[in-house]
C-alpha atoms as a PDB file:
ATOM      1  CA  UNK A   1     108.401  57.523  16.274  1.00  0.00           C
ATOM      2  CA  UNK A   2     105.036  58.718  17.147  1.00  0.00           C
ATOM      3  CA  UNK A   3     104.468  61.199  19.869  1.00  0.00           C
ATOM      4  CA  UNK A   4     101.761  61.304  22.469  1.00  0.00           C
ATOM      5  CA  UNK A   5      99.946  63.867  20.401  1.00  0.00           C
ATOM      6  CA  UNK A   6      99.802  61.388  17.609  1.00  0.00           C
ATOM      7  CA  UNK A   7      98.426  58.717  19.941  1.00  0.00           C
ATOM      8  CA  UNK A   8      95.681  61.057  21.033  1.00  0.00           C
ATOM      9  CA  UNK A   9      94.712  61.806  17.416  1.00  0.00           C
ATOM     10  CA  UNK A  10      94.540  58.107  16.614  1.00  0.00           C
ATOM     11  CA  UNK A  11      92.393  57.341  19.656  1.00  0.00           C
ATOM     12  CA  UNK A  12      90.061  60.143  18.808  1.00  0.00           C
ATOM     13  CA  UNK A  13      89.680  58.876  15.273  1.00  0.00           C
ATOM     14  CA  UNK A  14      88.864  55.382  16.488  1.00  0.00           C
ATOM     15  CA  UNK A  15      86.232  56.736  18.864  1.00  0.00           C
ATOM     16  CA  UNK A  16      84.679  58.730  16.056  1.00  0.00           C
ATOM     17  CA  UNK A  17      84.490  55.634  13.867  1.00  0.00           C
ATOM     18  CA  UNK A  18      82.808  53.617  16.623  1.00  0.00           C
ATOM     19  CA  UNK A  19      80.349  56.398  17.137  1.00  0.00           C
ATOM     20  CA  UNK A  20      79.491  56.501  13.451  1.00  0.00           C
ATOM     21  CA  UNK A  21      79.014  52.730  13.277  1.00  0.00           C
ATOM     22  CA  UNK A  22      76.677  52.665  16.355  1.00  0.00           C
ATOM     23  CA  UNK A  23      72.979  53.082  15.430  1.00  0.00           C
ATOM     24  CA  UNK A  24      71.461  56.197  16.718  1.00  0.00           C
ATOM     25  CA  UNK A  25      68.156  56.595  18.505  1.00  0.00           C
ATOM     26  CA  UNK A  26      66.579  57.893  15.317  1.00  0.00           C
ATOM     27  CA  UNK A  27      67.814  54.883  13.389  1.00  0.00           C
ATOM     28  CA  UNK A  28      66.325  52.566  15.969  1.00  0.00           C
ATOM     29  CA  UNK A  29      63.017  54.412  15.810  1.00  0.00           C
ATOM     30  CA  UNK A  30      62.867  54.181  12.039  1.00  0.00           C
ATOM     31  CA  UNK A  31      63.688  50.464  12.144  1.00  0.00           C
ATOM     32  CA  UNK A  32      60.954  49.932  14.711  1.00  0.00           C
ATOM     33  CA  UNK A  33      58.396  51.733  12.530  1.00  0.00           C
ATOM     34  CA  UNK A  34      59.483  49.707   9.520  1.00  0.00           C
ATOM     35  CA  UNK A  35      59.055  46.468  11.477  1.00  0.00           C
ATOM     36  CA  UNK A  36      55.636  47.538  12.684  1.00  0.00           C
ATOM     37  CA  UNK A  37      54.535  48.336   9.168  1.00  0.00           C
ATOM     38  CA  UNK A  38      55.771  44.942   7.942  1.00  0.00           C
ATOM     39  CA  UNK A  39      53.917  43.144  10.723  1.00  0.00           C
ATOM     40  CA  UNK A  40      50.782  45.116   9.953  1.00  0.00           C
ATOM     41  CA  UNK A  41      51.084  44.118   6.296  1.00  0.00           C
ATOM     42  CA  UNK A  42      51.408  40.465   7.246  1.00  0.00           C
ATOM     43  CA  UNK A  43      48.415  40.615   9.569  1.00  0.00           C
ATOM     44  CA  UNK A  44      46.259  42.413   7.037  1.00  0.00           C
ATOM     45  CA  UNK A  45      46.723  39.619   4.442  1.00  0.00           C
ATOM     46  CA  UNK A  46      44.929  36.885   6.468  1.00  0.00           C
ATOM     47  CA  UNK A  47      42.261  39.335   7.589  1.00  0.00           C
ATOM     48  CA  UNK A  48      41.335  39.967   3.982  1.00  0.00           C
ATOM     49  CA  UNK A  49      40.677  36.182   3.530  1.00  0.00           C
ATOM     50  CA  UNK A  50      38.619  35.710   6.673  1.00  0.00           C
ATOM     51  CA  UNK A  51      35.598  37.667   5.488  1.00  0.00           C
ATOM     52  CA  UNK A  52      35.091  35.794   2.153  1.00  0.00           C
ATOM     53  CA  UNK A  53      35.635  32.520   4.004  1.00  0.00           C
ATOM     54  CA  UNK A  54      32.954  33.408   6.532  1.00  0.00           C
ATOM     55  CA  UNK A  55      30.579  34.304   3.703  1.00  0.00           C
ATOM     56  CA  UNK A  56      31.271  31.004   1.957  1.00  0.00           C
ATOM     57  CA  UNK A  57      30.688  29.008   5.147  1.00  0.00           C
ATOM     58  CA  UNK A  58      27.449  30.868   5.823  1.00  0.00           C
ATOM     59  CA  UNK A  59      26.192  30.172   2.297  1.00  0.00           C
ATOM     60  CA  UNK A  60      27.198  26.506   2.564  1.00  0.00           C
ATOM     61  CA  UNK A  61      25.335  26.159   5.860  1.00  0.00           C
ATOM     62  CA  UNK A  62      22.247  27.812   4.383  1.00  0.00           C
ATOM     63  CA  UNK A  63      22.329  25.537   1.316  1.00  0.00           C
ATOM     64  CA  UNK A  64      22.837  22.452   3.454  1.00  0.00           C
ATOM     65  CA  UNK A  65      20.057  23.460   5.801  1.00  0.00           C
ATOM     66  CA  UNK A  66      17.718  24.078   2.901  1.00  0.00           C
ATOM     67  CA  UNK A  67      18.602  20.713   1.398  1.00  0.00           C
ATOM     68  CA  UNK A  68      17.938  18.947   4.697  1.00  0.00           C
ATOM     69  CA  UNK A  69      14.629  20.727   5.107  1.00  0.00           C
ATOM     70  CA  UNK A  70      13.623  19.664   1.592  1.00  0.00           C
ATOM     71  CA  UNK A  71      14.880  16.119   2.022  1.00  0.00           C
ATOM     72  CA  UNK A  72      13.452  15.448   5.478  1.00  0.00           C
ATOM     73  CA  UNK A  73      10.559  17.839   5.790  1.00  0.00           C
ATOM     74  CA  UNK A  74       9.088  18.258   2.316  1.00  0.00           C
ATOM     75  CA  UNK A  75       9.872  15.518  -0.186  1.00  0.00           C
ATOM     76  CA  UNK A  76       8.727  12.549   1.992  1.00  0.00           C
ATOM     77  CA  UNK A  77       5.261  14.117   2.128  1.00  0.00           C
ATOM     78  CA  UNK A  78       5.071  14.651  -1.627  1.00  0.00           C
ATOM     79  CA  UNK A  79       3.431  12.004  -3.868  1.00  0.00           C
ATOM     80  CA  UNK A  80       5.637   9.126  -4.990  1.00  0.00           C
ATOM     81  CA  UNK A  81       7.769  10.046  -7.975  1.00  0.00           C
ATOM     82  CA  UNK A  82       7.969   6.393  -9.074  1.00  0.00           C
ATOM     83  CA  UNK A  83       5.906   3.270  -8.346  1.00  0.00           C
ATOM     84  CA  UNK A  84       7.174  -0.069  -9.653  1.00  0.00           C
ATOM     85  CA  UNK A  85       4.663  -2.936  -9.738  1.00  0.00           C
ATOM     86  CA  UNK A  86       5.136  -6.551 -10.786  1.00  0.00           C
ATOM     87  CA  UNK A  87       2.051  -7.068 -12.949  1.00  0.00           C
ATOM     88  CA  UNK A  88       0.406 -10.499 -13.150  1.00  0.00           C
ATOM     89  CA  UNK A  89      -1.631 -11.828 -16.053  1.00  0.00           C
ATOM     90  CA  UNK A  90      -4.688 -12.295 -13.868  1.00  0.00           C
ATOM     91  CA  UNK A  91      -4.764  -8.785 -12.401  1.00  0.00           C
ATOM     92  CA  UNK A  92      -4.000  -5.344 -13.809  1.00  0.00           C
ATOM     93  CA  UNK A  93      -1.732  -2.665 -12.390  1.00  0.00           C
ATOM     94  CA  UNK A  94      -4.707  -0.388 -11.700  1.00  0.00           C
ATOM     95  CA  UNK A  95      -6.479  -3.076  -9.682  1.00  0.00           C
ATOM     96  CA  UNK A  96      -3.328  -3.800  -7.699  1.00  0.00           C
ATOM     97  CA  UNK A  97      -2.901  -0.144  -6.759  1.00  0.00           C
ATOM     98  CA  UNK A  98      -6.594   0.126  -5.895  1.00  0.00           C
ATOM     99  CA  UNK A  99      -6.490  -2.950  -3.644  1.00  0.00           C
ATOM    100  CA  UNK A 100      -3.334  -1.600  -2.027  1.00  0.00           C
ATOM    101  CA  UNK A 101      -5.009   1.728  -1.281  1.00  0.00           C
ATOM    102  CA  UNK A 102      -2.422   3.707  -3.245  1.00  0.00           C
ATOM    103  CA  UNK A 103      -3.603   6.906  -4.928  1.00  0.00           C
ATOM    104  CA  UNK A 104      -1.968   9.793  -6.751  1.00  0.00           C
ATOM    105  CA  UNK A 105      -1.445  11.564  -3.424  1.00  0.00           C
ATOM    106  CA  UNK A 106       0.214   8.648  -1.608  1.00  0.00           C
ATOM    107  CA  UNK A 107       3.631   9.483  -0.198  1.00  0.00           C
ATOM    108  CA  UNK A 108       6.472   7.861   1.711  1.00  0.00           C
ATOM    109  CA  UNK A 109       5.014   8.635   5.132  1.00  0.00           C
ATOM    110  CA  UNK A 110       1.371   8.050   4.215  1.00  0.00           C
ATOM    111  CA  UNK A 111       1.613   4.354   3.239  1.00  0.00           C
ATOM    112  CA  UNK A 112       2.143   1.322   5.456  1.00  0.00           C
ATOM    113  CA  UNK A 113       4.173  -1.370   3.707  1.00  0.00           C
ATOM    114  CA  UNK A 114       2.994  -4.209   5.971  1.00  0.00           C
ATOM    115  CA  UNK A 115      -0.650  -3.248   5.568  1.00  0.00           C
ATOM    116  CA  UNK A 116      -0.267  -3.206   1.779  1.00  0.00           C
ATOM    117  CA  UNK A 117       1.356  -6.644   1.814  1.00  0.00           C
ATOM    118  CA  UNK A 118      -1.506  -8.031   3.878  1.00  0.00           C
ATOM    119  CA  UNK A 119      -4.154  -6.475   1.634  1.00  0.00           C
ATOM    120  CA  UNK A 120      -2.572  -7.754  -1.578  1.00  0.00           C
ATOM    121  CA  UNK A 121      -2.098 -11.252  -0.162  1.00  0.00           C
ATOM    122  CA  UNK A 122      -5.889 -11.513   0.159  1.00  0.00           C
ATOM    123  CA  UNK A 123      -6.259 -11.406  -3.641  1.00  0.00           C
ATOM    124  CA  UNK A 124      -6.662 -15.003  -4.826  1.00  0.00           C
ATOM    125  CA  UNK A 125      -4.241 -14.933  -7.815  1.00  0.00           C
ATOM    126  CA  UNK A 126      -1.501 -13.531  -5.554  1.00  0.00           C
ATOM    127  CA  UNK A 127       0.407 -15.989  -3.392  1.00  0.00           C
ATOM    128  CA  UNK A 128       2.678 -13.444  -1.731  1.00  0.00           C
ATOM    129  CA  UNK A 129       3.396  -9.715  -1.849  1.00  0.00           C
ATOM    130  CA  UNK A 130       6.424  -7.700  -0.781  1.00  0.00           C
ATOM    131  CA  UNK A 131       6.430  -3.912  -0.569  1.00  0.00           C
ATOM    132  CA  UNK A 132       9.556  -1.749  -0.365  1.00  0.00           C
ATOM    133  CA  UNK A 133       9.693   1.999   0.279  1.00  0.00           C
ATOM    134  CA  UNK A 134      12.744   3.891  -0.881  1.00  0.00           C
ATOM    135  CA  UNK A 135      13.352   7.254   0.764  1.00  0.00           C
ATOM    136  CA  UNK A 136      12.214   9.818  -0.123  1.00  0.00           C
ATOM    137  CA  UNK A 137       9.749   9.083  -2.934  1.00  0.00           C
ATOM    138  CA  UNK A 138       9.853   5.634  -4.540  1.00  0.00           C
ATOM    139  CA  UNK A 139       7.662   2.566  -3.999  1.00  0.00           C
ATOM    140  CA  UNK A 140       8.188  -0.968  -5.253  1.00  0.00           C
ATOM    141  CA  UNK A 141       5.641  -3.797  -5.134  1.00  0.00           C
ATOM    142  CA  UNK A 142       6.822  -7.323  -5.917  1.00  0.00           C
ATOM    143  CA  UNK A 143       4.075  -9.902  -6.415  1.00  0.00           C
ATOM    144  CA  UNK A 144       4.328 -13.652  -6.739  1.00  0.00           C
ATOM    145  CA  UNK A 145       1.356 -15.209  -8.444  1.00  0.00           C
ATOM    146  CA  UNK A 146      -0.113 -18.562  -7.635  1.00  0.00           C
ATOM    147  CA  UNK A 147       1.162 -21.380  -9.784  1.00  0.00           C
ATOM    148  CA  UNK A 148      -1.397 -23.880 -10.967  1.00  0.00           C
ATOM    149  CA  UNK A 149      -0.442 -27.450 -10.109  1.00  0.00           C
ATOM    150  CA  UNK A 150      -3.530 -29.144 -11.533  1.00  0.00           C
ATOM    151  CA  UNK A 151      -6.979 -28.544 -12.980  1.00  0.00           C
ATOM    152  CA  UNK A 152     -10.348 -30.075 -12.341  1.00  0.00           C
ATOM    153  CA  UNK A 153     -14.044 -29.680 -13.144  1.00  0.00           C
ATOM    154  CA  UNK A 154     -16.581 -28.068 -10.848  1.00  0.00           C
ATOM    155  CA  UNK A 155     -20.297 -27.357 -10.822  1.00  0.00           C
ATOM    156  CA  UNK A 156     -21.308 -23.700 -11.051  1.00  0.00           C
ATOM    157  CA  UNK A 157     -24.894 -22.534 -11.588  1.00  0.00           C
ATOM    158  CA  UNK A 158     -25.833 -25.861 -13.093  1.00  0.00           C
ATOM    159  CA  UNK A 159     -22.875 -25.865 -15.470  1.00  0.00           C
ATOM    160  CA  UNK A 160     -19.578 -27.684 -15.464  1.00  0.00           C
ATOM    161  CA  UNK A 161     -16.618 -25.305 -15.459  1.00  0.00           C
ATOM    162  CA  UNK A 162     -12.862 -25.852 -15.195  1.00  0.00           C
ATOM    163  CA  UNK A 163     -10.953 -24.605 -12.168  1.00  0.00           C
ATOM    164  CA  UNK A 164      -7.266 -24.182 -11.443  1.00  0.00           C
ATOM    165  CA  UNK A 165      -5.681 -24.607  -8.016  1.00  0.00           C
ATOM    166  CA  UNK A 166      -2.181 -24.494  -6.553  1.00  0.00           C
ATOM    167  CA  UNK A 167      -0.261 -26.900  -4.317  1.00  0.00           C
ATOM    168  CA  UNK A 168      -1.988 -25.447  -1.228  1.00  0.00           C
ATOM    169  CA  UNK A 169      -5.405 -26.317  -2.628  1.00  0.00           C
ATOM    170  CA  UNK A 170      -6.396 -22.696  -3.272  1.00  0.00           C
ATOM    171  CA  UNK A 171      -8.699 -22.228  -6.239  1.00  0.00           C
ATOM    172  CA  UNK A 172      -7.638 -19.020  -7.969  1.00  0.00           C
ATOM    173  CA  UNK A 173      -9.184 -19.317 -11.406  1.00  0.00           C
ATOM    174  CA  UNK A 174     -12.707 -20.353 -12.255  1.00  0.00           C
ATOM    175  CA  UNK A 175     -14.154 -20.742 -15.739  1.00  0.00           C
ATOM    176  CA  UNK A 176     -12.785 -21.020 -19.214  1.00  0.00           C
ATOM    177  CA  UNK A 177     -13.487 -23.101 -22.236  1.00  0.00           C
ATOM    178  CA  UNK A 178     -11.516 -26.291 -21.522  1.00  0.00           C
ATOM    179  CA  UNK A 179      -9.107 -27.802 -19.045  1.00  0.00           C
ATOM    180  CA  UNK A 180      -5.485 -26.817 -19.424  1.00  0.00           C
ATOM    181  CA  UNK A 181      -3.685 -29.295 -21.706  1.00  0.00           C
ATOM    182  CA  UNK A 182      -0.365 -28.823 -19.891  1.00  0.00           C
ATOM    183  CA  UNK A 183      -1.608 -29.452 -16.332  1.00  0.00           C
ATOM    184  CA  UNK A 184      -2.465 -32.744 -14.666  1.00  0.00           C
ATOM    185  CA  UNK A 185      -6.201 -33.360 -14.474  1.00  0.00           C
ATOM    186  CA  UNK A 186      -7.570 -34.349 -11.074  1.00  0.00           C
ATOM    187  CA  UNK A 187     -11.027 -35.901 -10.972  1.00  0.00           C
ATOM    188  CA  UNK A 188     -13.117 -37.264  -8.134  1.00  0.00           C
ATOM    189  CA  UNK A 189     -13.229 -33.933  -6.284  1.00  0.00           C
ATOM    190  CA  UNK A 190     -16.619 -32.579  -5.322  1.00  0.00           C
ATOM    191  CA  UNK A 191     -16.421 -28.842  -6.036  1.00  0.00           C
ATOM    192  CA  UNK A 192     -19.678 -26.923  -6.037  1.00  0.00           C
ATOM    193  CA  UNK A 193     -20.125 -23.203  -6.639  1.00  0.00           C
ATOM    194  CA  UNK A 194     -16.386 -22.519  -6.766  1.00  0.00           C
ATOM    195  CA  UNK A 195     -15.050 -19.008  -6.260  1.00  0.00           C
ATOM    196  CA  UNK A 196     -11.522 -17.595  -6.295  1.00  0.00           C
ATOM    197  CA  UNK A 197      -9.977 -18.092  -2.872  1.00  0.00           C
ATOM    198  CA  UNK A 198     -11.927 -21.261  -2.055  1.00  0.00           C
ATOM    199  CA  UNK A 199      -9.796 -24.074  -0.649  1.00  0.00           C
ATOM    200  CA  UNK A 200      -9.936 -27.786  -1.353  1.00  0.00           C
ATOM    201  CA  UNK A 201     -10.186 -30.268   1.568  1.00  0.00           C
ATOM    202  CA  UNK A 202      -6.983 -30.479   3.556  1.00  0.00           C
ATOM    203  CA  UNK A 203      -6.729 -34.231   3.009  1.00  0.00           C
ATOM    204  CA  UNK A 204      -5.689 -33.718  -0.633  1.00  0.00           C
ATOM    205  CA  UNK A 205      -2.957 -31.130   0.079  1.00  0.00           C
ATOM    206  CA  UNK A 206      -0.089 -33.686   0.487  1.00  0.00           C
ATOM    207  CA  UNK A 207      -1.049 -35.190  -2.875  1.00  0.00           C
ATOM    208  CA  UNK A 208      -1.012 -31.765  -4.560  1.00  0.00           C
ATOM    209  CA  UNK A 209       2.343 -30.938  -3.008  1.00  0.00           C
ATOM    210  CA  UNK A 210       3.810 -34.160  -4.397  1.00  0.00           C
ATOM    211  CA  UNK A 211       2.426 -33.249  -7.802  1.00  0.00           C
ATOM    212  CA  UNK A 212       4.297 -29.971  -7.639  1.00  0.00           C
ATOM    213  CA  UNK A 213       7.557 -31.687  -6.641  1.00  0.00           C
ATOM    214  CA  UNK A 214       7.315 -34.155  -9.513  1.00  0.00           C
ATOM    215  CA  UNK A 215       6.488 -31.358 -11.933  1.00  0.00           C
ATOM    216  CA  UNK A 216       9.735 -29.597 -11.001  1.00  0.00           C
ATOM    217  CA  UNK A 217      11.959 -32.685 -10.920  1.00  0.00           C
ATOM    218  CA  UNK A 218      10.485 -35.008 -13.584  1.00  0.00           C
ATOM    219  CA  UNK A 219       7.706 -33.377 -15.599  1.00  0.00           C
ATOM    220  CA  UNK A 220       7.855 -36.177 -18.177  1.00  0.00           C
ATOM    221  CA  UNK A 221       6.291 -38.512 -15.603  1.00  0.00           C
ATOM    222  CA  UNK A 222       3.224 -36.307 -15.267  1.00  0.00           C
ATOM    223  CA  UNK A 223       2.848 -36.005 -19.035  1.00  0.00           C
ATOM    224  CA  UNK A 224       2.624 -39.815 -19.119  1.00  0.00           C
ATOM    225  CA  UNK A 225      -0.553 -39.666 -16.985  1.00  0.00           C
ATOM    226  CA  UNK A 226      -3.724 -38.221 -18.486  1.00  0.00           C
ATOM    227  CA  UNK A 227      -5.775 -38.207 -15.275  1.00  0.00           C
ATOM    228  CA  UNK A 228      -5.453 -38.654 -11.505  1.00  0.00           C
ATOM    229  CA  UNK A 229      -8.738 -39.783  -9.993  1.00  0.00           C
ATOM    230  CA  UNK A 230      -9.354 -39.487  -6.270  1.00  0.00           C
ATOM    231  CA  UNK A 231     -11.221 -42.548  -5.007  1.00  0.00           C
ATOM    232  CA  UNK A 232     -12.614 -41.783  -1.573  1.00  0.00           C
ATOM    233  CA  UNK A 233     -12.452 -44.501   1.074  1.00  0.00           C
ATOM    234  CA  UNK A 234     -15.584 -45.224   3.099  1.00  0.00           C
ATOM    235  CA  UNK A 235     -14.197 -43.776   6.322  1.00  0.00           C
ATOM    236  CA  UNK A 236     -11.051 -41.765   5.858  1.00  0.00           C
ATOM    237  CA  UNK A 237      -8.518 -40.900   3.184  1.00  0.00           C
ATOM    238  CA  UNK A 238      -8.514 -41.870  -0.459  1.00  0.00           C
ATOM    239  CA  UNK A 239      -6.724 -43.937  -3.071  1.00  0.00           C
ATOM    240  CA  UNK A 240      -5.381 -42.628  -6.356  1.00  0.00           C
ATOM    241  CA  UNK A 241      -6.286 -44.177  -9.674  1.00  0.00           C
ATOM    242  CA  UNK A 242      -3.976 -43.186 -12.511  1.00  0.00           C
ATOM    243  CA  UNK A 243      -4.899 -43.290 -16.188  1.00  0.00           C
ATOM    244  CA  UNK A 244      -1.722 -43.543 -18.299  1.00  0.00           C
ATOM    245  CA  UNK A 245      -1.764 -41.434 -21.446  1.00  0.00           C
ATOM    246  CA  UNK A 246      -0.760 -44.121 -23.928  1.00  0.00           C
ATOM    247  CA  UNK A 247      -1.794 -47.313 -22.143  1.00  0.00           C
ATOM    248  CA  UNK A 248      -5.117 -48.847 -21.153  1.00  0.00           C
ATOM    249  CA  UNK A 249      -3.902 -50.361 -17.881  1.00  0.00           C
ATOM    250  CA  UNK A 250      -4.889 -48.264 -14.873  1.00  0.00           C
ATOM    251  CA  UNK A 251      -2.808 -47.940 -11.699  1.00  0.00           C
ATOM    252  CA  UNK A 252      -4.045 -47.792  -8.106  1.00  0.00           C
ATOM    253  CA  UNK A 253      -1.855 -46.146  -5.454  1.00  0.00           C
ATOM    254  CA  UNK A 254      -2.339 -45.296  -1.774  1.00  0.00           C
ATOM    255  CA  UNK A 255       0.092 -42.373  -2.040  1.00  0.00           C
ATOM    256  CA  UNK A 256       2.102 -40.529  -4.642  1.00  0.00           C
ATOM    257  CA  UNK A 257       5.825 -39.936  -4.936  1.00  0.00           C
ATOM    258  CA  UNK A 258       8.281 -39.769  -7.801  1.00  0.00           C
ATOM    259  CA  UNK A 259       9.899 -43.175  -7.313  1.00  0.00           C
ATOM    260  CA  UNK A 260       6.600 -44.991  -6.975  1.00  0.00           C
ATOM    261  CA  UNK A 261       5.132 -43.237 -10.000  1.00  0.00           C
ATOM    262  CA  UNK A 262       8.188 -44.072 -12.116  1.00  0.00           C
ATOM    263  CA  UNK A 263       8.046 -47.715 -11.078  1.00  0.00           C
ATOM    264  CA  UNK A 264       4.302 -47.966 -11.717  1.00  0.00           C
ATOM    265  CA  UNK A 265       4.617 -46.503 -15.227  1.00  0.00           C
ATOM    266  CA  UNK A 266       7.520 -48.859 -15.946  1.00  0.00           C
ATOM    267  CA  UNK A 267       5.392 -51.848 -14.954  1.00  0.00           C
ATOM    268  CA  UNK A 268       2.583 -50.611 -17.186  1.00  0.00           C
ATOM    269  CA  UNK A 269       4.999 -50.531 -20.124  1.00  0.00           C
ATOM    270  CA  UNK A 270       6.303 -54.016 -19.288  1.00  0.00           C
ATOM    271  CA  UNK A 271       2.769 -55.429 -19.182  1.00  0.00           C
ATOM    272  CA  UNK A 272       1.487 -53.425 -22.150  1.00  0.00           C
ATOM    273  CA  UNK A 273       1.279 -56.604 -24.244  1.00  0.00           C
ATOM    274  CA  UNK A 274      -1.390 -57.852 -21.825  1.00  0.00           C
ATOM    275  CA  UNK A 275      -3.560 -54.750 -21.897  1.00  0.00           C
ATOM    276  CA  UNK A 276      -6.539 -56.843 -22.967  1.00  0.00           C
ATOM    277  CA  UNK A 277      -6.298 -58.936 -19.798  1.00  0.00           C
ATOM    278  CA  UNK A 278      -5.293 -56.470 -17.073  1.00  0.00           C
ATOM    279  CA  UNK A 279      -7.582 -53.748 -15.849  1.00  0.00           C
ATOM    280  CA  UNK A 280      -5.715 -52.315 -12.830  1.00  0.00           C
ATOM    281  CA  UNK A 281      -2.218 -52.643 -11.405  1.00  0.00           C
ATOM    282  CA  UNK A 282      -2.430 -52.322  -7.623  1.00  0.00           C
ATOM    283  CA  UNK A 283       0.602 -50.948  -5.754  1.00  0.00           C
ATOM    284  CA  UNK A 284      -1.064 -50.228  -2.419  1.00  0.00           C
ATOM    285  CA  UNK A 285       0.479 -53.066  -0.440  1.00  0.00           C
ATOM    286  CA  UNK A 286       4.140 -52.855  -1.404  1.00  0.00           C
ATOM    287  CA  UNK A 287       3.964 -55.697  -3.923  1.00  0.00           C
ATOM    288  CA  UNK A 288       2.480 -55.034  -7.348  1.00  0.00           C
ATOM    289  CA  UNK A 289      -0.566 -57.088  -8.186  1.00  0.00           C
ATOM    290  CA  UNK A 290      -3.114 -56.828 -10.925  1.00  0.00           C
ATOM    291  CA  UNK A 291      -6.828 -57.240 -11.285  1.00  0.00           C
ATOM    292  CA  UNK A 292      -8.010 -58.974 -14.469  1.00  0.00           C
ATOM    293  CA  UNK A 293     -10.684 -57.185 -16.437  1.00  0.00           C
ATOM    294  CA  UNK A 294     -13.120 -60.055 -15.978  1.00  0.00           C
ATOM    295  CA  UNK A 295     -12.736 -60.014 -12.221  1.00  0.00           C
ATOM    296  CA  UNK A 296     -13.062 -56.223 -12.080  1.00  0.00           C
ATOM    297  CA  UNK A 297     -16.205 -56.270 -14.162  1.00  0.00           C
ATOM    298  CA  UNK A 298     -17.752 -58.776 -11.819  1.00  0.00           C
END
């Protein structure tokens, strides 16, 4: 059995062990310093990245600012780097640019697209003009030329010259050797001293517009007619006299449209065996009638 002295020795040993296991003040101080150094190491790592990041952002801002200054403040005032022009046969690229007022120093901000369109539309071979500006330094000009719908003969300086005009009656080409073999010939017009841009009388415009429609839809009908002659009425308006290409019978109409023209040419073919008797087929009153050559000559 243990004595009280033994119990005291055991208690003292236990107290000593507890004391040894308990951290001392020095141990706590060292642990605190170690923790502080670890925290400082962790805080120093991000701080080393902040400075290069700030430099990168500053450089990016400077580059972006310089690019914006160049894009918005410099390049739009520099001459066009590219000018695209739809060139027509009747007018050269140089003349188009001259009429448009475009020079080597023209830039995005120095040209007015609407003003250029208006100036180019005044040129007789040009029916319409569209101008597009592309920021910062490109220009595009799209031109649509006039399309000849018929040809005729005019008097110029005592000479007879061919002229071409479109469906709006605008003469855009004067002169040449002969009339165009692929266009309908219109006679009976009084055209003196023609010049590009001159307009035919408004009364013939509906007829020219019908010619254009038939040319698009049934060009073979127009090729079957060698000449359209305008026969003026005493007071107002006119009749049309058609001269078929391969027949001697003429056709008189009060108006022109595709269906009527097709029917008239069909009747000419049907009556072709009587070409020696018939001078004109008259379709002005809804019912086809004919005038014998003897009666017409009288």
